[in-house]
């Protein structure tokens, strides 16, 4: 997620759920994150259906055709109880999105080797139905394995960061997202990101814009955290994926009584969040 020199929610000393991520995130201006049940935009809701959470297979338990997802809440992991979503389950370590019936894109630092592919599951419909939800059940048909890594990049010099994986079967109950096929997003374009900040159930965060363009990525003021790595970043106007959320600024800072609170920056402040261009991924 963040830069490779940072650990996700490092000061919390918690949760294997974030062990595969590369950094943390931050709130820019107002916190624009919303749960799926709070969202009325039909396009955003459709995009969210194609968003998946990467969750360690050992944290999933099948019961009567449903999969129970259980993990600690943010509050149990050292986040202040006054923080938004502090009482929700935090199970995901990365995010991804469906680009073909049997293919998914995520960040390259999320899936680094075949062992990661085998141990992690990709869960669609990992979403909350209330503000405080400690466990979530999804249909077993919403859970997929990783069959193989098709292509991947994690370059320290260019900062190119992506992974394209093949799922263990085709997804038939939702559509792949629309992707930009050529060219680049423009400075100032409006963006929305959909994924799993801090491992939470699906969050939709709009109200962001492109700040600047770099060689292999662009920078935006997206409200994203550890767990958002691999999230699809959409152009609000075209509804196409512009890129993959991969890095950003520090997420949590010390709060009262030893707990942690979200780092808040001005809309044009801090370093910004870095997004790999989707056109960097070969074979799409």
C-alpha atoms as a PDB file:
ATOM      1  CA  UNK A   1       0.000   0.000   0.000  1.00  0.00           C
ATOM      2  CA  UNK A   2       2.280   2.735   1.194  1.00  0.00           C
ATOM      3  CA  UNK A   3       5.923   3.120   0.549  1.00  0.00           C
ATOM      4  CA  UNK A   4       8.020   0.043   1.163  1.00  0.00           C
ATOM      5  CA  UNK A   5       9.753   1.770   4.071  1.00  0.00           C
ATOM      6  CA  UNK A   6       6.569   1.949   6.122  1.00  0.00           C
ATOM      7  CA  UNK A   7       4.624  -0.792   7.868  1.00  0.00           C
ATOM      8  CA  UNK A   8       0.861  -0.792   7.879  1.00  0.00           C
ATOM      9  CA  UNK A   9      -0.376   0.739  11.074  1.00  0.00           C
ATOM     10  CA  UNK A  10       3.116   0.087  12.393  1.00  0.00           C
ATOM     11  CA  UNK A  11       2.641   1.658  15.772  1.00  0.00           C
ATOM     12  CA  UNK A  12      -0.269  -0.625  16.519  1.00  0.00           C
ATOM     13  CA  UNK A  13       1.862  -3.777  16.488  1.00  0.00           C
ATOM     14  CA  UNK A  14      -1.185  -5.664  15.352  1.00  0.00           C
ATOM     15  CA  UNK A  15      -2.805  -7.911  12.851  1.00  0.00           C
ATOM     16  CA  UNK A  16      -1.403 -10.284  10.335  1.00  0.00           C
ATOM     17  CA  UNK A  17      -4.222  -8.926   8.191  1.00  0.00           C
ATOM     18  CA  UNK A  18      -1.941  -6.078   7.152  1.00  0.00           C
ATOM     19  CA  UNK A  19       1.271  -8.059   6.906  1.00  0.00           C
ATOM     20  CA  UNK A  20       1.378  -8.090   3.104  1.00  0.00           C
ATOM     21  CA  UNK A  21       0.786  -4.375   2.610  1.00  0.00           C
ATOM     22  CA  UNK A  22       3.439  -1.749   1.968  1.00  0.00           C
ATOM     23  CA  UNK A  23       2.286   1.311   3.806  1.00  0.00           C
ATOM     24  CA  UNK A  24      -0.563   3.380   5.091  1.00  0.00           C
ATOM     25  CA  UNK A  25      -2.931   6.098   4.002  1.00  0.00           C
ATOM     26  CA  UNK A  26      -4.545   9.320   5.086  1.00  0.00           C
ATOM     27  CA  UNK A  27      -7.692  11.485   4.998  1.00  0.00           C
ATOM     28  CA  UNK A  28      -7.603  14.570   2.776  1.00  0.00           C
ATOM     29  CA  UNK A  29     -10.032  17.295   3.770  1.00  0.00           C
ATOM     30  CA  UNK A  30     -13.329  15.629   4.718  1.00  0.00           C
ATOM     31  CA  UNK A  31     -13.525  11.874   5.204  1.00  0.00           C
ATOM     32  CA  UNK A  32     -15.470  10.797   2.110  1.00  0.00           C
ATOM     33  CA  UNK A  33     -15.570   7.071   2.875  1.00  0.00           C
ATOM     34  CA  UNK A  34     -19.014   5.483   2.824  1.00  0.00           C
ATOM     35  CA  UNK A  35     -20.301   1.989   3.370  1.00  0.00           C
ATOM     36  CA  UNK A  36     -22.095   0.332   0.486  1.00  0.00           C
ATOM     37  CA  UNK A  37     -25.407   0.556   2.334  1.00  0.00           C
ATOM     38  CA  UNK A  38     -24.966   4.335   2.644  1.00  0.00           C
ATOM     39  CA  UNK A  39     -24.342   4.817  -1.080  1.00  0.00           C
ATOM     40  CA  UNK A  40     -27.114   5.754  -3.518  1.00  0.00           C
ATOM     41  CA  UNK A  41     -25.065   6.301  -6.695  1.00  0.00           C
ATOM     42  CA  UNK A  42     -25.980   3.311  -8.914  1.00  0.00           C
ATOM     43  CA  UNK A  43     -22.692   3.429 -10.836  1.00  0.00           C
ATOM     44  CA  UNK A  44     -20.652   3.303  -7.630  1.00  0.00           C
ATOM     45  CA  UNK A  45     -22.729   0.392  -6.377  1.00  0.00           C
ATOM     46  CA  UNK A  46     -22.115  -1.525  -9.589  1.00  0.00           C
ATOM     47  CA  UNK A  47     -18.378  -0.857  -9.334  1.00  0.00           C
ATOM     48  CA  UNK A  48     -18.386  -2.081  -5.734  1.00  0.00           C
ATOM     49  CA  UNK A  49     -19.820  -5.456  -6.815  1.00  0.00           C
ATOM     50  CA  UNK A  50     -16.632  -6.094  -8.774  1.00  0.00           C
ATOM     51  CA  UNK A  51     -14.376  -5.233  -5.811  1.00  0.00           C
ATOM     52  CA  UNK A  52     -12.808  -8.082  -3.837  1.00  0.00           C
ATOM     53  CA  UNK A  53     -11.005  -8.312  -0.508  1.00  0.00           C
ATOM     54  CA  UNK A  54      -7.849 -10.362  -0.056  1.00  0.00           C
ATOM     55  CA  UNK A  55      -8.316 -12.349   3.143  1.00  0.00           C
ATOM     56  CA  UNK A  56      -6.170 -15.099   4.629  1.00  0.00           C
ATOM     57  CA  UNK A  57      -7.898 -18.413   3.990  1.00  0.00           C
ATOM     58  CA  UNK A  58      -7.513 -19.436   7.633  1.00  0.00           C
ATOM     59  CA  UNK A  59      -9.822 -16.549   8.655  1.00  0.00           C
ATOM     60  CA  UNK A  60     -12.724 -17.995   6.650  1.00  0.00           C
ATOM     61  CA  UNK A  61     -15.078 -20.723   7.852  1.00  0.00           C
ATOM     62  CA  UNK A  62     -17.763 -22.346   5.704  1.00  0.00           C
ATOM     63  CA  UNK A  63     -21.081 -22.981   7.453  1.00  0.00           C
ATOM     64  CA  UNK A  64     -24.153 -24.267   5.576  1.00  0.00           C
ATOM     65  CA  UNK A  65     -23.168 -22.777   2.244  1.00  0.00           C
ATOM     66  CA  UNK A  66     -22.041 -19.463   3.702  1.00  0.00           C
ATOM     67  CA  UNK A  67     -18.574 -18.249   4.606  1.00  0.00           C
ATOM     68  CA  UNK A  68     -18.119 -16.616   7.993  1.00  0.00           C
ATOM     69  CA  UNK A  69     -15.476 -13.894   8.071  1.00  0.00           C
ATOM     70  CA  UNK A  70     -14.166 -13.265  11.555  1.00  0.00           C
ATOM     71  CA  UNK A  71     -11.410 -10.947  12.734  1.00  0.00           C
ATOM     72  CA  UNK A  72     -10.818  -8.213  15.259  1.00  0.00           C
ATOM     73  CA  UNK A  73     -12.319  -4.768  14.965  1.00  0.00           C
ATOM     74  CA  UNK A  74     -10.277  -1.612  14.451  1.00  0.00           C
ATOM     75  CA  UNK A  75     -10.891  -0.700  18.087  1.00  0.00           C
ATOM     76  CA  UNK A  76      -9.510  -4.053  19.228  1.00  0.00           C
ATOM     77  CA  UNK A  77      -6.355  -3.297  17.265  1.00  0.00           C
ATOM     78  CA  UNK A  78      -5.589   0.001  18.912  1.00  0.00           C
ATOM     79  CA  UNK A  79      -7.634   2.458  16.877  1.00  0.00           C
ATOM     80  CA  UNK A  80      -9.506   4.959  19.054  1.00  0.00           C
ATOM     81  CA  UNK A  81     -13.159   4.052  19.593  1.00  0.00           C
ATOM     82  CA  UNK A  82     -14.140   7.531  18.436  1.00  0.00           C
ATOM     83  CA  UNK A  83     -12.791   6.823  14.933  1.00  0.00           C
ATOM     84  CA  UNK A  84     -15.248   6.092  12.132  1.00  0.00           C
ATOM     85  CA  UNK A  85     -15.813   2.360  11.570  1.00  0.00           C
ATOM     86  CA  UNK A  86     -13.859   1.490  14.743  1.00  0.00           C
ATOM     87  CA  UNK A  87     -16.393  -1.182  15.659  1.00  0.00           C
ATOM     88  CA  UNK A  88     -16.420  -2.876  12.269  1.00  0.00           C
ATOM     89  CA  UNK A  89     -14.535  -6.046  11.409  1.00  0.00           C
ATOM     90  CA  UNK A  90     -11.049  -5.630   9.917  1.00  0.00           C
ATOM     91  CA  UNK A  91     -10.181  -8.783   7.969  1.00  0.00           C
ATOM     92  CA  UNK A  92      -8.726  -7.783   4.590  1.00  0.00           C
ATOM     93  CA  UNK A  93      -5.042  -7.154   3.906  1.00  0.00           C
ATOM     94  CA  UNK A  94      -5.428  -5.875   0.328  1.00  0.00           C
ATOM     95  CA  UNK A  95      -8.057  -5.090  -2.292  1.00  0.00           C
ATOM     96  CA  UNK A  96      -8.540  -6.125  -5.909  1.00  0.00           C
ATOM     97  CA  UNK A  97     -10.984  -5.784  -8.782  1.00  0.00           C
ATOM     98  CA  UNK A  98     -12.378  -8.011 -11.508  1.00  0.00           C
ATOM     99  CA  UNK A  99     -11.035  -7.257 -15.007  1.00  0.00           C
ATOM    100  CA  UNK A 100     -12.190 -10.404 -16.834  1.00  0.00           C
ATOM    101  CA  UNK A 101     -14.440 -13.326 -15.846  1.00  0.00           C
ATOM    102  CA  UNK A 102     -11.468 -15.190 -14.341  1.00  0.00           C
ATOM    103  CA  UNK A 103      -8.891 -12.419 -13.856  1.00  0.00           C
ATOM    104  CA  UNK A 104      -8.312  -9.926 -11.071  1.00  0.00           C
ATOM    105  CA  UNK A 105      -5.921  -6.990 -10.667  1.00  0.00           C
ATOM    106  CA  UNK A 106      -4.309  -5.951  -7.385  1.00  0.00           C
ATOM    107  CA  UNK A 107      -1.056  -4.342  -6.238  1.00  0.00           C
ATOM    108  CA  UNK A 108       2.193  -6.164  -6.921  1.00  0.00           C
ATOM    109  CA  UNK A 109       3.246  -5.955  -3.286  1.00  0.00           C
ATOM    110  CA  UNK A 110       0.053  -7.764  -2.221  1.00  0.00           C
ATOM    111  CA  UNK A 111       0.814 -10.979  -4.130  1.00  0.00           C
ATOM    112  CA  UNK A 112       4.567 -11.491  -4.241  1.00  0.00           C
ATOM    113  CA  UNK A 113       5.007 -15.247  -4.675  1.00  0.00           C
ATOM    114  CA  UNK A 114       3.140 -18.476  -5.364  1.00  0.00           C
ATOM    115  CA  UNK A 115       2.736 -19.097  -1.632  1.00  0.00           C
ATOM    116  CA  UNK A 116       0.732 -15.854  -1.354  1.00  0.00           C
ATOM    117  CA  UNK A 117      -1.427 -16.967  -4.242  1.00  0.00           C
ATOM    118  CA  UNK A 118      -2.192 -20.264  -2.524  1.00  0.00           C
ATOM    119  CA  UNK A 119      -2.837 -18.964   0.983  1.00  0.00           C
ATOM    120  CA  UNK A 120      -5.048 -15.961   0.197  1.00  0.00           C
ATOM    121  CA  UNK A 121      -8.684 -15.921  -0.837  1.00  0.00           C
ATOM    122  CA  UNK A 122     -10.481 -13.236  -2.831  1.00  0.00           C
ATOM    123  CA  UNK A 123     -13.864 -12.391  -1.340  1.00  0.00           C
ATOM    124  CA  UNK A 124     -16.561 -10.433  -3.136  1.00  0.00           C
ATOM    125  CA  UNK A 125     -19.528  -8.988  -1.194  1.00  0.00           C
ATOM    126  CA  UNK A 126     -17.404  -8.341   1.895  1.00  0.00           C
ATOM    127  CA  UNK A 127     -19.553  -5.375   2.891  1.00  0.00           C
ATOM    128  CA  UNK A 128     -21.298  -4.134   6.009  1.00  0.00           C
ATOM    129  CA  UNK A 129     -25.027  -3.755   6.470  1.00  0.00           C
ATOM    130  CA  UNK A 130     -24.704  -1.611   9.590  1.00  0.00           C
ATOM    131  CA  UNK A 131     -22.286   0.863  11.123  1.00  0.00           C
ATOM    132  CA  UNK A 132     -21.157  -1.634  13.768  1.00  0.00           C
ATOM    133  CA  UNK A 133     -20.609  -5.122  12.416  1.00  0.00           C
ATOM    134  CA  UNK A 134     -18.163  -7.509  14.047  1.00  0.00           C
ATOM    135  CA  UNK A 135     -18.716 -10.492  11.732  1.00  0.00           C
ATOM    136  CA  UNK A 136     -19.815 -10.834   8.124  1.00  0.00           C
ATOM    137  CA  UNK A 137     -21.200 -13.780   6.177  1.00  0.00           C
ATOM    138  CA  UNK A 138     -21.030 -14.079   2.403  1.00  0.00           C
ATOM    139  CA  UNK A 139     -22.248 -16.836   0.070  1.00  0.00           C
ATOM    140  CA  UNK A 140     -19.586 -19.473  -0.560  1.00  0.00           C
ATOM    141  CA  UNK A 141     -19.957 -18.617  -4.249  1.00  0.00           C
ATOM    142  CA  UNK A 142     -18.448 -15.185  -3.482  1.00  0.00           C
ATOM    143  CA  UNK A 143     -15.105 -16.648  -2.390  1.00  0.00           C
ATOM    144  CA  UNK A 144     -12.378 -17.440  -4.933  1.00  0.00           C
ATOM    145  CA  UNK A 145      -8.873 -18.800  -4.847  1.00  0.00           C
ATOM    146  CA  UNK A 146      -5.844 -17.614  -6.797  1.00  0.00           C
ATOM    147  CA  UNK A 147      -4.900 -20.144  -9.472  1.00  0.00           C
ATOM    148  CA  UNK A 148      -1.736 -18.398 -10.638  1.00  0.00           C
ATOM    149  CA  UNK A 149       0.046 -15.069 -10.985  1.00  0.00           C
ATOM    150  CA  UNK A 150      -0.162 -14.061 -14.649  1.00  0.00           C
ATOM    151  CA  UNK A 151       2.068 -10.984 -14.474  1.00  0.00           C
ATOM    152  CA  UNK A 152       3.472  -8.794 -11.753  1.00  0.00           C
ATOM    153  CA  UNK A 153       5.728  -5.786 -11.180  1.00  0.00           C
ATOM    154  CA  UNK A 154       7.209  -4.242  -8.048  1.00  0.00           C
ATOM    155  CA  UNK A 155      10.015  -1.963  -9.175  1.00  0.00           C
ATOM    156  CA  UNK A 156      11.884   0.200  -6.666  1.00  0.00           C
ATOM    157  CA  UNK A 157      13.204   2.686  -9.256  1.00  0.00           C
ATOM    158  CA  UNK A 158      10.109   3.328 -11.413  1.00  0.00           C
ATOM    159  CA  UNK A 159       7.690   2.421  -8.591  1.00  0.00           C
ATOM    160  CA  UNK A 160       5.645   0.362 -11.022  1.00  0.00           C
ATOM    161  CA  UNK A 161       3.424  -1.815  -8.841  1.00  0.00           C
ATOM    162  CA  UNK A 162       0.731  -4.195 -10.079  1.00  0.00           C
ATOM    163  CA  UNK A 163      -0.304  -7.844 -10.235  1.00  0.00           C
ATOM    164  CA  UNK A 164      -2.661  -9.654 -12.588  1.00  0.00           C
ATOM    165  CA  UNK A 165      -3.868 -12.996 -11.265  1.00  0.00           C
ATOM    166  CA  UNK A 166      -6.026 -15.813 -12.560  1.00  0.00           C
ATOM    167  CA  UNK A 167      -8.828 -16.918 -10.255  1.00  0.00           C
ATOM    168  CA  UNK A 168      -9.627 -20.583  -9.660  1.00  0.00           C
ATOM    169  CA  UNK A 169     -12.889 -20.259 -11.615  1.00  0.00           C
ATOM    170  CA  UNK A 170     -14.850 -17.730 -13.636  1.00  0.00           C
ATOM    171  CA  UNK A 171     -17.049 -15.152 -11.927  1.00  0.00           C
ATOM    172  CA  UNK A 172     -20.530 -15.268 -13.423  1.00  0.00           C
ATOM    173  CA  UNK A 173     -22.680 -13.152 -11.095  1.00  0.00           C
ATOM    174  CA  UNK A 174     -21.046  -9.741 -11.684  1.00  0.00           C
ATOM    175  CA  UNK A 175     -19.297  -7.881 -14.472  1.00  0.00           C
ATOM    176  CA  UNK A 176     -15.643  -6.917 -14.907  1.00  0.00           C
ATOM    177  CA  UNK A 177     -14.974  -3.213 -14.459  1.00  0.00           C
ATOM    178  CA  UNK A 178     -14.405  -0.883 -17.399  1.00  0.00           C
ATOM    179  CA  UNK A 179     -10.756   0.011 -17.982  1.00  0.00           C
ATOM    180  CA  UNK A 180      -9.008   2.898 -19.682  1.00  0.00           C
ATOM    181  CA  UNK A 181      -7.461   1.412 -22.803  1.00  0.00           C
ATOM    182  CA  UNK A 182      -5.023   4.136 -23.828  1.00  0.00           C
ATOM    183  CA  UNK A 183      -3.763   7.552 -22.803  1.00  0.00           C
ATOM    184  CA  UNK A 184      -3.705   8.944 -19.276  1.00  0.00           C
ATOM    185  CA  UNK A 185      -5.975  10.597 -16.775  1.00  0.00           C
ATOM    186  CA  UNK A 186      -5.762  14.416 -16.680  1.00  0.00           C
ATOM    187  CA  UNK A 187      -4.772  16.639 -13.796  1.00  0.00           C
ATOM    188  CA  UNK A 188      -7.901  17.729 -11.903  1.00  0.00           C
ATOM    189  CA  UNK A 189     -10.071  14.801 -13.027  1.00  0.00           C
ATOM    190  CA  UNK A 190     -12.558  13.664 -10.387  1.00  0.00           C
ATOM    191  CA  UNK A 191     -11.920  10.238  -8.863  1.00  0.00           C
ATOM    192  CA  UNK A 192     -13.580   7.615  -6.686  1.00  0.00           C
ATOM    193  CA  UNK A 193     -11.757   4.726  -5.004  1.00  0.00           C
ATOM    194  CA  UNK A 194     -13.422   1.488  -3.884  1.00  0.00           C
ATOM    195  CA  UNK A 195     -11.723  -0.994  -1.602  1.00  0.00           C
ATOM    196  CA  UNK A 196     -10.982  -2.039   1.965  1.00  0.00           C
ATOM    197  CA  UNK A 197      -9.276   0.692   4.028  1.00  0.00           C
ATOM    198  CA  UNK A 198      -7.672  -0.737   7.174  1.00  0.00           C
ATOM    199  CA  UNK A 199      -9.109  -4.129   6.199  1.00  0.00           C
ATOM    200  CA  UNK A 200     -12.685  -2.908   6.638  1.00  0.00           C
ATOM    201  CA  UNK A 201     -15.738  -3.990   4.630  1.00  0.00           C
ATOM    202  CA  UNK A 202     -16.053  -2.261   1.251  1.00  0.00           C
ATOM    203  CA  UNK A 203     -15.787   1.513   1.389  1.00  0.00           C
ATOM    204  CA  UNK A 204     -16.555   3.927  -1.456  1.00  0.00           C
ATOM    205  CA  UNK A 205     -14.677   7.238  -1.281  1.00  0.00           C
ATOM    206  CA  UNK A 206     -15.241   9.970  -3.854  1.00  0.00           C
ATOM    207  CA  UNK A 207     -14.522  13.701  -3.609  1.00  0.00           C
ATOM    208  CA  UNK A 208     -10.933  13.253  -4.823  1.00  0.00           C
ATOM    209  CA  UNK A 209      -8.996  14.657  -7.764  1.00  0.00           C
ATOM    210  CA  UNK A 210      -5.795  14.002  -9.679  1.00  0.00           C
ATOM    211  CA  UNK A 211      -2.979  16.227  -8.370  1.00  0.00           C
ATOM    212  CA  UNK A 212      -0.155  15.395 -10.759  1.00  0.00           C
ATOM    213  CA  UNK A 213       1.170  12.789 -13.190  1.00  0.00           C
ATOM    214  CA  UNK A 214       4.441  10.873 -12.907  1.00  0.00           C
ATOM    215  CA  UNK A 215       6.167   8.257 -15.053  1.00  0.00           C
ATOM    216  CA  UNK A 216       4.430   5.061 -13.917  1.00  0.00           C
ATOM    217  CA  UNK A 217       1.783   6.516 -11.621  1.00  0.00           C
ATOM    218  CA  UNK A 218      -0.300   9.555 -10.760  1.00  0.00           C
ATOM    219  CA  UNK A 219      -0.880  11.305  -7.433  1.00  0.00           C
ATOM    220  CA  UNK A 220      -4.310  12.120  -5.976  1.00  0.00           C
ATOM    221  CA  UNK A 221      -5.932  13.204  -2.696  1.00  0.00           C
ATOM    222  CA  UNK A 222      -7.782   9.924  -2.155  1.00  0.00           C
ATOM    223  CA  UNK A 223      -9.021   8.935   1.317  1.00  0.00           C
ATOM    224  CA  UNK A 224      -7.247   5.569   1.520  1.00  0.00           C
ATOM    225  CA  UNK A 225      -5.586   3.435   4.188  1.00  0.00           C
ATOM    226  CA  UNK A 226      -3.664   0.234   4.620  1.00  0.00           C
ATOM    227  CA  UNK A 227      -5.853  -2.464   3.051  1.00  0.00           C
ATOM    228  CA  UNK A 228      -6.680  -0.196   0.107  1.00  0.00           C
ATOM    229  CA  UNK A 229      -3.625  -1.459  -1.771  1.00  0.00           C
ATOM    230  CA  UNK A 230      -4.893  -2.910  -5.025  1.00  0.00           C
ATOM    231  CA  UNK A 231      -8.088  -0.840  -4.988  1.00  0.00           C
ATOM    232  CA  UNK A 232      -9.506   0.340  -8.290  1.00  0.00           C
ATOM    233  CA  UNK A 233      -9.391   4.114  -8.758  1.00  0.00           C
ATOM    234  CA  UNK A 234     -12.171   5.182 -11.126  1.00  0.00           C
ATOM    235  CA  UNK A 235     -12.665   8.303 -13.203  1.00  0.00           C
ATOM    236  CA  UNK A 236     -16.032   9.641 -12.016  1.00  0.00           C
ATOM    237  CA  UNK A 237     -16.955  10.995 -15.451  1.00  0.00           C
ATOM    238  CA  UNK A 238     -16.025   8.013 -17.636  1.00  0.00           C
ATOM    239  CA  UNK A 239     -16.555   5.320 -14.960  1.00  0.00           C
ATOM    240  CA  UNK A 240     -13.360   3.659 -16.185  1.00  0.00           C
ATOM    241  CA  UNK A 241     -10.549   2.430 -13.959  1.00  0.00           C
ATOM    242  CA  UNK A 242      -7.632   4.842 -14.212  1.00  0.00           C
ATOM    243  CA  UNK A 243      -5.314   2.965 -11.907  1.00  0.00           C
ATOM    244  CA  UNK A 244      -4.434   0.832  -8.903  1.00  0.00           C
ATOM    245  CA  UNK A 245      -3.957   2.377  -5.452  1.00  0.00           C
ATOM    246  CA  UNK A 246      -0.467   1.386  -4.280  1.00  0.00           C
ATOM    247  CA  UNK A 247       1.132   3.955  -1.921  1.00  0.00           C
ATOM    248  CA  UNK A 248       0.362   7.012   0.170  1.00  0.00           C
ATOM    249  CA  UNK A 249       0.998   9.106   3.244  1.00  0.00           C
ATOM    250  CA  UNK A 250       0.936   8.073   6.903  1.00  0.00           C
ATOM    251  CA  UNK A 251      -2.415   6.750   7.973  1.00  0.00           C
ATOM    252  CA  UNK A 252      -2.726   6.830  11.732  1.00  0.00           C
ATOM    253  CA  UNK A 253      -1.079   9.089  14.291  1.00  0.00           C
ATOM    254  CA  UNK A 254      -1.018   8.965  18.104  1.00  0.00           C
ATOM    255  CA  UNK A 255      -4.282   9.943  19.744  1.00  0.00           C
ATOM    256  CA  UNK A 256      -5.466  10.133  23.354  1.00  0.00           C
ATOM    257  CA  UNK A 257      -4.827   7.397  25.886  1.00  0.00           C
ATOM    258  CA  UNK A 258      -2.397   5.539  23.671  1.00  0.00           C
ATOM    259  CA  UNK A 259      -4.823   4.752  20.843  1.00  0.00           C
ATOM    260  CA  UNK A 260      -4.483   5.870  17.223  1.00  0.00           C
ATOM    261  CA  UNK A 261      -6.484   8.368  15.141  1.00  0.00           C
ATOM    262  CA  UNK A 262      -6.585   9.067  11.425  1.00  0.00           C
ATOM    263  CA  UNK A 263      -4.015  11.435   9.997  1.00  0.00           C
ATOM    264  CA  UNK A 264      -5.892  14.362   8.423  1.00  0.00           C
ATOM    265  CA  UNK A 265      -4.390  16.615   5.757  1.00  0.00           C
ATOM    266  CA  UNK A 266      -5.660  19.499   3.697  1.00  0.00           C
ATOM    267  CA  UNK A 267      -6.947  18.550   0.258  1.00  0.00           C
ATOM    268  CA  UNK A 268      -3.752  19.911  -1.253  1.00  0.00           C
ATOM    269  CA  UNK A 269      -1.514  18.895   1.649  1.00  0.00           C
ATOM    270  CA  UNK A 270       0.744  15.963   2.539  1.00  0.00           C
ATOM    271  CA  UNK A 271       2.382  13.819  -0.125  1.00  0.00           C
ATOM    272  CA  UNK A 272      -0.762  12.490  -1.788  1.00  0.00           C
ATOM    273  CA  UNK A 273      -1.694   8.917  -2.703  1.00  0.00           C
ATOM    274  CA  UNK A 274       0.079   7.176  -5.580  1.00  0.00           C
ATOM    275  CA  UNK A 275      -1.830   5.203  -8.203  1.00  0.00           C
ATOM    276  CA  UNK A 276      -0.282   2.885 -10.822  1.00  0.00           C
ATOM    277  CA  UNK A 277      -1.723   3.549 -14.285  1.00  0.00           C
ATOM    278  CA  UNK A 278      -3.971   0.668 -15.303  1.00  0.00           C
ATOM    279  CA  UNK A 279      -2.418   0.841 -18.772  1.00  0.00           C
ATOM    280  CA  UNK A 280       0.852  -0.399 -17.214  1.00  0.00           C
ATOM    281  CA  UNK A 281      -0.682  -3.857 -16.780  1.00  0.00           C
ATOM    282  CA  UNK A 282       0.009  -6.017 -19.861  1.00  0.00           C
ATOM    283  CA  UNK A 283      -2.669  -8.229 -21.344  1.00  0.00           C
ATOM    284  CA  UNK A 284      -5.752  -6.247 -20.369  1.00  0.00           C
END
